[in-house]
Amino acid sequence: MSTRVADRPARSDDLAGRVHSELAMDLPDEDFGEHLDDSLDFYRMGSKPRCEEIEYLEMVREAQERIERGY
């Protein structure tokens, strides 16, 4: 049982890394920090054309939710 508990953070880190990599592939021109929260917190509204801005914010939020849900 202790092995499973010890493996959980690694799995969580693996998932976060995978989701982060997928997002970087989908948005190759963006520079994401280690935490997606930072990308949303420091994003300046109006810095992209409106349609791109909506898509960008949705993709980052979706990636963040996937990490939080664990899949």
Protein backbone atom coordinates (compact mmCIF):
# COMPACT_ATOMS: atom_id res chain seq x y z
CA MET A 1 0.00 0.00 0.00
CA SER A 2 2.81 2.44 0.73
CA THR A 3 4.12 1.95 -2.82
CA ARG A 4 0.84 3.15 -4.30
CA VAL A 5 0.84 6.29 -2.14
CA ALA A 6 4.44 6.99 -3.10
CA ASP A 7 3.57 6.55 -6.81
CA ARG A 8 0.70 9.06 -6.80
CA PRO A 9 2.78 12.24 -7.00
CA ALA A 10 4.83 10.78 -9.83
CA ARG A 11 1.67 9.90 -11.76
CA SER A 12 0.29 13.36 -11.13
CA ASP A 13 3.52 14.91 -12.35
CA ASP A 14 3.47 12.62 -15.41
CA LEU A 15 -0.09 13.68 -16.23
CA ALA A 16 0.72 17.36 -15.79
CA GLY A 17 3.75 16.95 -18.03
CA ARG A 18 1.73 15.17 -20.71
CA VAL A 19 -1.06 17.74 -20.65
CA HIS A 20 1.46 20.58 -20.69
CA SER A 21 3.25 18.99 -23.68
CA GLU A 22 -0.02 18.53 -25.56
CA LEU A 23 -0.94 22.14 -24.96
CA ALA A 24 2.49 23.29 -26.15
CA MET A 25 2.04 21.24 -29.34
CA ASP A 26 -1.40 22.76 -29.94
CA LEU A 27 -0.12 26.28 -29.25
CA PRO A 28 3.53 26.18 -30.36
CA ASP A 29 3.99 29.96 -30.37
CA GLU A 30 3.06 30.31 -26.71
CA ASP A 31 5.52 30.22 -23.83
CA PHE A 32 3.88 28.42 -20.91
CA GLY A 33 5.40 28.54 -17.48
CA GLU A 34 5.60 25.58 -15.18
CA HIS A 35 2.09 26.24 -13.87
CA LEU A 36 -0.85 26.89 -16.16
CA ASP A 37 -2.39 29.08 -13.46
CA ASP A 38 0.38 31.58 -14.17
CA SER A 39 -0.47 31.62 -17.86
CA LEU A 40 -4.03 32.59 -17.00
CA ASP A 41 -3.17 34.97 -14.17
CA PHE A 42 -0.65 36.95 -16.19
CA TYR A 43 -2.53 36.93 -19.48
CA ARG A 44 -3.37 40.42 -20.74
CA MET A 45 -6.85 40.59 -22.24
CA GLY A 46 -6.80 42.09 -25.70
CA SER A 47 -3.25 40.98 -26.46
CA LYS A 48 -4.52 38.62 -29.19
CA PRO A 49 -7.24 38.91 -31.80
CA ARG A 50 -10.57 38.11 -30.14
CA CYS A 51 -11.13 34.71 -31.78
CA GLU A 52 -7.58 33.58 -30.95
CA GLU A 53 -7.91 34.91 -27.41
CA ILE A 54 -11.07 32.90 -26.75
CA GLU A 55 -9.53 29.72 -28.15
CA TYR A 56 -6.29 30.23 -26.19
CA LEU A 57 -8.08 30.80 -22.87
CA GLU A 58 -10.39 27.82 -23.40
CA MET A 59 -7.50 25.51 -24.23
CA VAL A 60 -5.46 26.57 -21.21
CA ARG A 61 -8.46 26.24 -18.87
CA GLU A 62 -9.32 22.82 -20.29
CA ALA A 63 -5.73 21.64 -19.82
CA GLN A 64 -5.74 22.97 -16.27
CA GLU A 65 -9.02 21.15 -15.51
CA ARG A 66 -7.66 17.89 -16.96
CA ILE A 67 -4.73 18.08 -14.58
CA GLU A 68 -6.98 18.85 -11.62
CA ARG A 69 -9.33 15.97 -12.48
CA GLY A 70 -6.43 13.60 -12.94
CA TYR A 71 -7.02 12.57 -16.56
